[in-house]
Amino acid sequence: MPPDAASSAPWRIPEHIVHTRMGAEGVLLDLRTKQYYSLNPTGTVIWTMTGEGRGEDEIARAICARFDVEEQQARTHIAAFVQELRENGLLVSECEAE
């Protein structure tokens, strides 16, 4: 799937992923693998908004507003981060079975 399609698809957080915020950062735990993942502030914004069902446009605007980045840079980061989350089983598309 191309990066632009990856970031605009409807995503959901699998039931085996537990997450919490620690200030501006986040921590994810995959209960199946027992592996922890830490999120920087940008990743935490993307994670939170994706989990809320927000679309790429809204997430990109939020990233631009909170951090000093251009929209295209934000979109590139969102697409790469969503792809990384998918590759690690931390985020799945609505049509994927768990």
Protein backbone atom coordinates (compact mmCIF):
# COMPACT_ATOMS: atom_id res chain seq x y z
CA MET A 1 0.00 0.00 0.00
CA PRO A 2 1.47 3.41 -0.92
CA PRO A 3 2.30 5.70 2.02
CA ASP A 4 -0.42 8.22 1.14
CA ALA A 5 -3.05 5.47 1.09
CA ALA A 6 -1.72 4.04 4.35
CA SER A 7 -2.20 7.28 6.21
CA SER A 8 -5.75 7.91 4.99
CA ALA A 9 -7.23 4.46 5.63
CA PRO A 10 -9.53 3.92 8.63
CA TRP A 11 -7.38 2.48 11.43
CA ARG A 12 -8.04 0.92 14.77
CA ILE A 13 -5.95 -0.11 17.73
CA PRO A 14 -5.97 -3.90 18.24
CA GLU A 15 -7.30 -5.19 21.56
CA HIS A 16 -3.89 -6.61 22.48
CA ILE A 17 -2.30 -3.15 22.52
CA VAL A 18 -2.33 -1.17 25.78
CA HIS A 19 -1.30 2.47 25.74
CA THR A 20 -0.81 5.33 28.16
CA ARG A 21 0.47 8.88 28.08
CA MET A 22 3.31 10.11 30.21
CA GLY A 23 3.27 13.87 29.80
CA ALA A 24 3.75 14.66 26.11
CA GLU A 25 5.08 11.16 25.38
CA GLY A 26 3.38 7.80 25.16
CA VAL A 27 4.08 4.17 25.92
CA LEU A 28 2.58 1.20 24.10
CA LEU A 29 2.62 -2.42 25.26
CA ASP A 30 1.86 -5.33 22.98
CA LEU A 31 0.33 -7.91 25.33
CA ARG A 32 1.02 -10.72 22.86
CA THR A 33 4.76 -10.10 22.49
CA LYS A 34 5.29 -8.30 25.83
CA GLN A 35 7.22 -5.63 23.92
CA TYR A 36 7.12 -1.97 24.96
CA TYR A 37 7.29 0.94 22.54
CA SER A 38 7.90 4.56 23.46
CA LEU A 39 6.42 7.44 21.50
CA ASN A 40 7.89 10.91 21.22
CA PRO A 41 5.51 13.88 21.40
CA THR A 42 4.85 13.86 17.64
CA GLY A 43 4.20 10.13 17.64
CA THR A 44 1.88 10.52 20.61
CA VAL A 45 -0.22 13.10 18.75
CA ILE A 46 -0.44 10.84 15.69
CA TRP A 47 -1.25 7.78 17.83
CA THR A 48 -3.92 9.55 19.87
CA MET A 49 -5.64 11.15 16.92
CA THR A 50 -5.50 7.97 14.84
CA GLY A 51 -7.05 6.06 17.73
CA GLU A 52 -9.82 8.67 17.86
CA GLY A 53 -10.58 7.99 14.20
CA ARG A 54 -9.22 11.32 12.96
CA GLY A 55 -8.18 11.54 9.33
CA GLU A 56 -4.83 12.43 7.81
CA ASP A 57 -5.84 16.03 7.06
CA GLU A 58 -6.84 16.73 10.65
CA ILE A 59 -3.75 15.00 12.04
CA ALA A 60 -1.46 16.93 9.66
CA ARG A 61 -3.04 20.24 10.70
CA ALA A 62 -2.55 19.35 14.38
CA ILE A 63 1.10 18.42 13.82
CA CYS A 64 1.72 21.69 11.96
CA ALA A 65 0.01 23.70 14.71
CA ARG A 66 1.90 22.04 17.58
CA PHE A 67 5.33 21.61 16.00
CA ASP A 68 7.31 23.81 13.64
CA VAL A 69 6.91 21.69 10.48
CA GLU A 70 5.56 22.22 6.99
CA GLU A 71 2.43 20.32 5.98
CA GLN A 72 4.21 18.04 3.50
CA GLN A 73 6.80 17.11 6.13
CA ALA A 74 4.00 16.34 8.59
CA ARG A 75 2.19 14.17 6.04
CA THR A 76 5.41 12.28 5.23
CA HIS A 77 6.02 11.66 8.95
CA ILE A 78 2.42 10.53 9.51
CA ALA A 79 2.57 8.05 6.62
CA ALA A 80 5.92 6.62 7.75
CA PHE A 81 4.79 6.34 11.37
CA VAL A 82 1.48 4.64 10.46
CA GLN A 83 3.41 2.19 8.28
CA GLU A 84 5.80 1.43 11.17
CA LEU A 85 2.87 0.90 13.54
CA ARG A 86 1.24 -1.46 11.02
CA GLU A 87 4.47 -3.42 10.49
CA ASN A 88 4.71 -3.96 14.25
CA GLY A 89 1.05 -4.99 14.62
CA LEU A 90 0.25 -1.91 16.71
CA LEU A 91 -2.34 -0.56 14.30
CA VAL A 92 -4.59 -2.40 11.86
CA SER A 93 -7.00 -1.25 9.20
CA GLU A 94 -10.69 -1.53 9.95
CA CYS A 95 -11.03 -4.30 7.35
CA GLU A 96 -8.21 -6.45 8.78
CA ALA A 97 -9.08 -9.28 11.17
CA GLU A 98 -7.04 -9.57 14.36
